[in-house]
Each structure stands twice: as C-alpha cells, then as structure tokens.
Amino acid sequence: MVRTACGRRTLYGDRTSYARHTLCDVKEPFPSVWARPHAERREQPALSRRQIVAAALELLDAEGIDALSMRKLGTRLNAGATSMYTHVANKDELIELVVDEVYGEIEVPPAGGGEGWRAAAFTCAGSMRATLLRHPWIVSVQGEAGVAYLGPNVLRFSESLLGVFEGGGFSLEAADRALNTLTAYVLGYATSEAAWLTTLRRSGLSEGEWTERLWPVAEEAVRAYPRLRTLYAAQRHEDRDRDFAEGLECVLDGLVARLK
C-alpha cells in the first residue's frame, strides 16, 4: 500500500490495480507526467508528445531500456532539448508515457460479451502476455514507472477488467483482488520468459539449439537435487504456451473457488 497526503492506493508489482487514489492535497509538485495538465498550444508545435512516445517505443523495442536517453531520443527525432522538454520533464516521465502506450495494446473483452468472465479473463491474460513479450524491456521497469497506473490506457485496462469480473458475480473488492492476482501471474511469468528470450537473442541460437547447449550444465547443477533433476528433464522440451495456459487455468480455478 502506498499512502499520499490525503489518499491511498493498493499497489502490486504490475501497478495496474484499481483502487481509490487522491493527489488533491499534495502540496509539493508530484513527480509524474500524469500529475500536471498536458498544455495545448495554439500554434502547432514542431514536435508532439505522440511523436516522442512513438520514437521512444521504437528505440526501446530495438535496443532495450539501457539504450534510452533523452539525448539519444532527441538525435533520433532530429530535435533539440527544448522541444523535448516541452512535453516530458525527464526520462522517468518518458517511461511513464511509453508504459501507458504499451498497455493500450492489451485486449480486454467487453463485460457481458457472452463468453463468460473466465474466458474473457483468459483472453485478457493471453493478450497481456503477448504484449509484454513484444516489448520485453517493460518487465524491467514496471516497478520503477512512477505512477504509471494513472495513465489513461492503464486506467482503461483496469476499469475494463474490473467490469469483466463484476459481470461474473464478483464484488468490486473481490474483482480488485482477482485483477491483482491475474496480472501478477502474467507479469511474473512474462518476466522470466522475457529474460529467457533476451538470452536467446543475444546467443544468436534458436530456442532448441540453446536448450541443448544449456542442458549438460543444468543437469550437472541439479545432480544433488532429485526433484529438480526430474522436473528439469521433463521440462527440457516444454511448450511455453501450454505451460502458461495451464498455470493460468490454476489461477482461474482459484478465483472460481473464491467466487463460490
């Protein structure tokens, strides 16, 4: 739980929980791009916030979080510092904006869409995982993205998923817990998966080739641990999609049990 001067907000690792939050009585300027109005100018600016966010997302996807800097982004946009800082005060604010842009890609089926809350939650979780893996750098900044949960896309994501759970019979508080549980599972799984895929890309090998090269080392490491040795052998040729789906079904089974 994070407390402000006059409010609170329940937070978990993915920072997507829907809950009460208030910044109204914070006397000092709040360090977030979402805490100040987006000033519109009468004249058309040389560079828009949308252009900055799009270029930052492109850079992050291509080179990763360590490559992102205001100077490098300015060079990419052929823009000076003044035009950049009109829209974002620093790198932290830029990351808030780009994280919110990524969350806009996640599909949340409409509440009461006919497929049932469980199927809708399954679809949403799959879309979230796919989105995170398209932008693997995001898993390393989720806990550092300021108050990214105030971004419009994150808010829409949370509100829509809450509606899915409420439509399935959950109270609002229970829906909030269900949302946190679901997104925590997806984020945790995708974090490990993104690290694995990043290692693969750096190796230049296919997943199968890298697994075969890694196996003798892993086998030796777990020689004294019989349970892990059995699991590692069974998971040597594991299908990641199937493993994710089976884990997700366990999460949903738990939510069903709580609903009853």
Protein backbone atom coordinates (compact mmCIF):
# COMPACT_ATOMS: atom_id res chain seq x y z
CA MET A 1 0.00 0.00 0.00
CA VAL A 2 1.27 3.44 -0.89
CA ARG A 3 -0.04 6.46 1.02
CA THR A 4 -0.13 10.04 -0.18
CA ALA A 5 -1.02 13.14 1.81
CA CYS A 6 -4.76 12.53 1.51
CA GLY A 7 -5.30 9.18 -0.07
CA ARG A 8 -4.10 5.68 -0.70
CA ARG A 9 -3.70 3.18 -3.45
CA THR A 10 -3.11 -0.54 -3.21
CA LEU A 11 -0.16 -1.49 -5.37
CA TYR A 12 1.30 -4.75 -6.55
CA GLY A 13 4.20 -5.47 -8.87
CA ASP A 14 2.33 -4.67 -12.05
CA ARG A 15 0.86 -1.38 -10.70
CA THR A 16 -2.42 -1.98 -12.52
CA SER A 17 -4.73 -2.37 -9.52
CA TYR A 18 -7.91 -0.32 -9.46
CA ALA A 19 -8.43 1.37 -6.11
CA ARG A 20 -9.01 4.72 -4.50
CA HIS A 21 -6.34 7.33 -5.01
CA THR A 22 -6.14 11.07 -4.44
CA LEU A 23 -3.41 13.58 -5.15
CA CYS A 24 -5.52 16.63 -4.40
CA ASP A 25 -3.80 17.71 -1.20
CA VAL A 26 -0.21 17.03 -2.21
CA LYS A 27 1.38 20.43 -1.69
CA GLU A 28 4.68 19.76 -3.41
CA PRO A 29 4.69 19.17 -7.19
CA PHE A 30 4.05 15.48 -7.75
CA PRO A 31 6.82 13.88 -9.86
CA SER A 32 4.70 12.41 -12.62
CA VAL A 33 3.67 13.35 -16.12
CA TRP A 34 0.09 12.45 -15.13
CA ALA A 35 0.04 14.94 -12.24
CA ARG A 36 0.14 18.03 -14.43
CA PRO A 37 -2.04 19.08 -17.36
CA HIS A 38 -0.94 18.45 -20.89
CA ALA A 39 -0.76 22.00 -22.19
CA GLU A 40 -2.10 22.50 -25.68
CA ARG A 41 -0.65 25.35 -27.69
CA ARG A 42 -2.43 27.38 -30.30
CA GLU A 43 0.49 27.05 -32.63
CA GLN A 44 1.30 23.59 -33.94
CA PRO A 45 4.48 22.54 -32.10
CA ALA A 46 7.41 21.24 -34.09
CA LEU A 47 7.31 18.04 -32.07
CA SER A 48 4.30 16.37 -30.45
CA ARG A 49 4.08 14.14 -27.41
CA ARG A 50 2.75 11.38 -29.65
CA GLN A 51 5.86 11.58 -31.85
CA ILE A 52 8.14 11.45 -28.82
CA VAL A 53 6.38 8.42 -27.35
CA ALA A 54 6.35 6.57 -30.69
CA ALA A 55 10.07 7.17 -31.21
CA ALA A 56 10.88 6.14 -27.63
CA LEU A 57 8.89 2.93 -28.02
CA GLU A 58 10.69 2.15 -31.27
CA LEU A 59 14.06 2.74 -29.61
CA LEU A 60 13.20 0.62 -26.59
CA ASP A 61 11.96 -2.28 -28.71
CA ALA A 62 15.08 -2.17 -30.86
CA GLU A 63 17.79 -1.58 -28.26
CA GLY A 64 16.32 -2.09 -24.78
CA ILE A 65 15.97 0.08 -21.70
CA ASP A 66 19.69 0.74 -21.26
CA ALA A 67 19.80 2.49 -24.64
CA LEU A 68 17.13 5.03 -23.76
CA SER A 69 18.29 8.57 -23.02
CA MET A 70 16.78 11.95 -23.74
CA ARG A 71 19.84 12.89 -25.79
CA LYS A 72 19.69 9.75 -27.91
CA LEU A 73 15.97 10.15 -28.44
CA GLY A 74 16.44 13.78 -29.45
CA THR A 75 19.01 12.72 -32.03
CA ARG A 76 16.63 10.08 -33.35
CA LEU A 77 13.91 12.73 -33.72
CA ASN A 78 16.32 15.37 -35.01
CA ALA A 79 15.01 17.59 -32.24
CA GLY A 80 16.61 19.86 -29.67
CA ALA A 81 16.26 19.56 -25.92
CA THR A 82 13.83 22.47 -25.68
CA SER A 83 11.21 20.85 -27.89
CA MET A 84 11.59 17.56 -25.98
CA TYR A 85 11.21 19.09 -22.53
CA THR A 86 8.07 20.91 -23.57
CA HIS A 87 6.33 17.54 -23.27
CA VAL A 88 8.41 15.47 -20.81
CA ALA A 89 10.50 16.76 -17.94
CA ASN A 90 12.86 13.79 -17.75
CA LYS A 91 13.44 10.15 -18.61
CA ASP A 92 11.19 8.94 -15.79
CA GLU A 93 8.21 10.80 -17.24
CA LEU A 94 9.03 9.44 -20.67
CA ILE A 95 8.95 5.89 -19.33
CA GLU A 96 5.55 6.55 -17.73
CA LEU A 97 4.22 7.63 -21.11
CA VAL A 98 5.66 4.67 -23.00
CA VAL A 99 4.45 2.14 -20.43
CA ASP A 100 0.96 3.56 -20.80
CA GLU A 101 1.26 3.35 -24.59
CA VAL A 102 2.11 -0.35 -24.33
CA TYR A 103 -0.87 -1.05 -22.07
CA GLY A 104 -3.08 0.37 -24.80
CA GLU A 105 -2.29 -2.74 -26.86
CA ILE A 106 -3.80 -5.18 -24.35
CA GLU A 107 -7.16 -6.62 -25.34
CA VAL A 108 -9.84 -6.79 -22.67
CA PRO A 109 -13.10 -8.33 -23.94
CA PRO A 110 -16.18 -6.28 -23.01
CA ALA A 111 -18.02 -7.22 -19.84
CA GLY A 112 -21.12 -9.26 -20.60
CA GLY A 113 -19.83 -10.09 -24.06
CA GLY A 114 -21.35 -13.55 -23.99
CA GLU A 115 -18.21 -15.64 -23.50
CA GLY A 116 -18.29 -15.53 -19.69
CA TRP A 117 -15.90 -13.90 -17.25
CA ARG A 118 -13.46 -16.82 -17.16
CA ALA A 119 -12.99 -16.94 -20.92
CA ALA A 120 -12.70 -13.16 -21.05
CA ALA A 121 -10.07 -13.16 -18.29
CA PHE A 122 -8.17 -15.91 -20.11
CA THR A 123 -8.20 -13.86 -23.32
CA CYS A 124 -7.05 -10.74 -21.50
CA ALA A 125 -4.20 -12.58 -19.76
CA GLY A 126 -3.03 -14.03 -23.06
CA SER A 127 -3.13 -10.61 -24.69
CA MET A 128 -1.20 -9.08 -21.78
CA ARG A 129 1.49 -11.74 -22.00
CA ALA A 130 1.83 -11.29 -25.77
CA THR A 131 2.05 -7.52 -25.33
CA LEU A 132 4.77 -7.76 -22.69
CA LEU A 133 6.79 -10.12 -24.86
CA ARG A 134 6.51 -7.76 -27.85
CA HIS A 135 8.08 -5.13 -25.60
CA PRO A 136 10.28 -7.21 -23.26
CA TRP A 137 12.07 -4.18 -21.79
CA ILE A 138 8.85 -3.26 -19.97
CA VAL A 139 9.16 -6.02 -17.38
CA SER A 140 12.33 -4.40 -16.03
CA VAL A 141 10.66 -1.02 -15.44
CA GLN A 142 7.24 -2.00 -14.09
CA GLY A 143 8.34 -1.36 -10.52
CA GLU A 144 10.05 1.91 -11.43
CA ALA A 145 7.47 3.53 -13.68
CA GLY A 146 6.38 6.14 -11.15
CA VAL A 147 2.61 6.43 -11.03
CA ALA A 148 2.07 4.77 -14.39
CA TYR A 149 -1.25 3.45 -13.05
CA LEU A 150 -2.67 6.96 -13.59
CA GLY A 151 -2.13 6.74 -17.35
CA PRO A 152 -5.31 6.62 -19.45
CA ASN A 153 -4.57 3.26 -21.04
CA VAL A 154 -3.69 1.60 -17.73
CA LEU A 155 -6.85 3.05 -16.20
CA ARG A 156 -8.98 1.76 -19.09
CA PHE A 157 -7.34 -1.66 -18.79
CA SER A 158 -8.06 -1.83 -15.05
CA GLU A 159 -11.61 -0.48 -15.35
CA SER A 160 -12.46 -2.89 -18.17
CA LEU A 161 -11.07 -5.95 -16.41
CA LEU A 162 -12.88 -4.99 -13.22
CA GLY A 163 -16.05 -4.89 -15.29
CA VAL A 164 -15.37 -8.41 -16.56
CA PHE A 165 -15.04 -9.75 -13.02
CA GLU A 166 -18.02 -7.79 -11.70
CA GLY A 167 -20.09 -9.11 -14.59
CA GLY A 168 -19.16 -12.62 -13.44
CA GLY A 169 -20.53 -12.05 -9.95
CA PHE A 170 -17.51 -10.69 -8.07
CA SER A 171 -18.00 -7.78 -5.68
CA LEU A 172 -15.88 -4.74 -6.52
CA GLU A 173 -13.36 -5.57 -3.79
CA ALA A 174 -13.20 -9.21 -4.90
CA ALA A 175 -12.83 -8.06 -8.51
CA ASP A 176 -9.87 -5.90 -7.46
CA ARG A 177 -8.20 -8.90 -5.81
CA ALA A 178 -8.92 -11.02 -8.87
CA LEU A 179 -7.39 -8.38 -11.14
CA ASN A 180 -4.26 -8.19 -8.98
CA THR A 181 -3.95 -11.98 -8.87
CA LEU A 182 -4.35 -12.39 -12.61
CA THR A 183 -1.96 -9.61 -13.60
CA ALA A 184 0.62 -10.70 -11.01
CA TYR A 185 0.66 -14.18 -12.57
CA VAL A 186 1.03 -12.81 -16.09
CA LEU A 187 3.73 -10.33 -15.14
CA GLY A 188 5.68 -12.93 -13.17
CA TYR A 189 5.54 -15.45 -15.99
CA ALA A 190 6.35 -12.90 -18.67
CA THR A 191 9.30 -11.54 -16.67
CA SER A 192 11.01 -14.94 -16.64
CA GLU A 193 10.02 -15.55 -20.24
CA ALA A 194 11.35 -12.18 -21.41
CA ALA A 195 14.69 -12.85 -19.70
CA TRP A 196 14.89 -16.22 -21.44
CA LEU A 197 14.07 -14.75 -24.85
CA THR A 198 16.58 -11.94 -24.35
CA THR A 199 19.27 -14.55 -23.65
CA LEU A 200 18.26 -16.39 -26.82
CA ARG A 201 18.54 -13.26 -28.94
CA ARG A 202 21.97 -12.47 -27.57
CA SER A 203 23.16 -16.02 -28.23
CA GLY A 204 22.10 -15.98 -31.86
CA LEU A 205 20.80 -19.53 -31.45
CA SER A 206 17.32 -20.97 -31.80
CA GLU A 207 15.45 -21.96 -28.66
CA GLY A 208 16.07 -25.63 -29.35
CA GLU A 209 19.78 -25.09 -30.00
CA TRP A 210 20.24 -23.04 -26.85
CA THR A 211 18.34 -25.57 -24.73
CA GLU A 212 20.53 -28.41 -25.97
CA ARG A 213 23.67 -26.40 -25.24
CA LEU A 214 22.43 -25.46 -21.76
CA TRP A 215 21.19 -28.91 -20.79
CA PRO A 216 24.52 -30.51 -19.72
CA VAL A 217 25.28 -27.51 -17.48
CA ALA A 218 21.79 -27.56 -15.93
CA GLU A 219 21.90 -31.33 -15.48
CA GLU A 220 25.17 -31.09 -13.59
CA ALA A 221 23.92 -28.20 -11.44
CA VAL A 222 20.88 -30.16 -10.18
CA ARG A 223 22.61 -33.51 -9.78
CA ALA A 224 22.25 -33.35 -5.99
CA TYR A 225 18.60 -32.25 -6.16
CA PRO A 226 16.45 -35.19 -7.30
CA ARG A 227 13.15 -33.33 -7.55
CA LEU A 228 14.65 -30.55 -9.61
CA ARG A 229 16.52 -33.07 -11.74
CA THR A 230 13.24 -34.83 -12.55
CA LEU A 231 11.50 -31.54 -13.33
CA TYR A 232 14.33 -30.21 -15.49
CA ALA A 233 14.35 -33.42 -17.52
CA ALA A 234 10.58 -33.27 -18.01
CA GLN A 235 10.69 -29.59 -18.97
CA ARG A 236 13.59 -29.89 -21.38
CA HIS A 237 11.30 -29.67 -24.40
CA GLU A 238 8.47 -27.85 -22.72
CA ASP A 239 5.94 -25.83 -24.72
CA ARG A 240 5.89 -22.36 -23.15
CA ASP A 241 2.40 -21.55 -24.45
CA ARG A 242 0.95 -24.69 -22.92
CA ASP A 243 2.78 -24.14 -19.65
CA PHE A 244 1.46 -20.57 -19.41
CA ALA A 245 -2.09 -21.72 -20.18
CA GLU A 246 -2.01 -24.49 -17.57
CA GLY A 247 -0.73 -22.11 -14.90
CA LEU A 248 -3.39 -19.60 -15.86
CA GLU A 249 -6.09 -22.26 -15.50
CA CYS A 250 -4.84 -22.88 -11.95
CA VAL A 251 -5.21 -19.17 -11.18
CA LEU A 252 -8.71 -19.09 -12.64
CA ASP A 253 -9.69 -22.26 -10.76
CA GLY A 254 -8.70 -20.47 -7.57
CA LEU A 255 -10.82 -17.45 -8.47
CA VAL A 256 -13.79 -19.71 -9.21
CA ALA A 257 -13.38 -21.37 -5.80
CA ARG A 258 -13.34 -17.97 -4.08
CA LEU A 259 -16.41 -16.87 -6.02
CA LYS A 260 -18.38 -19.87 -4.75
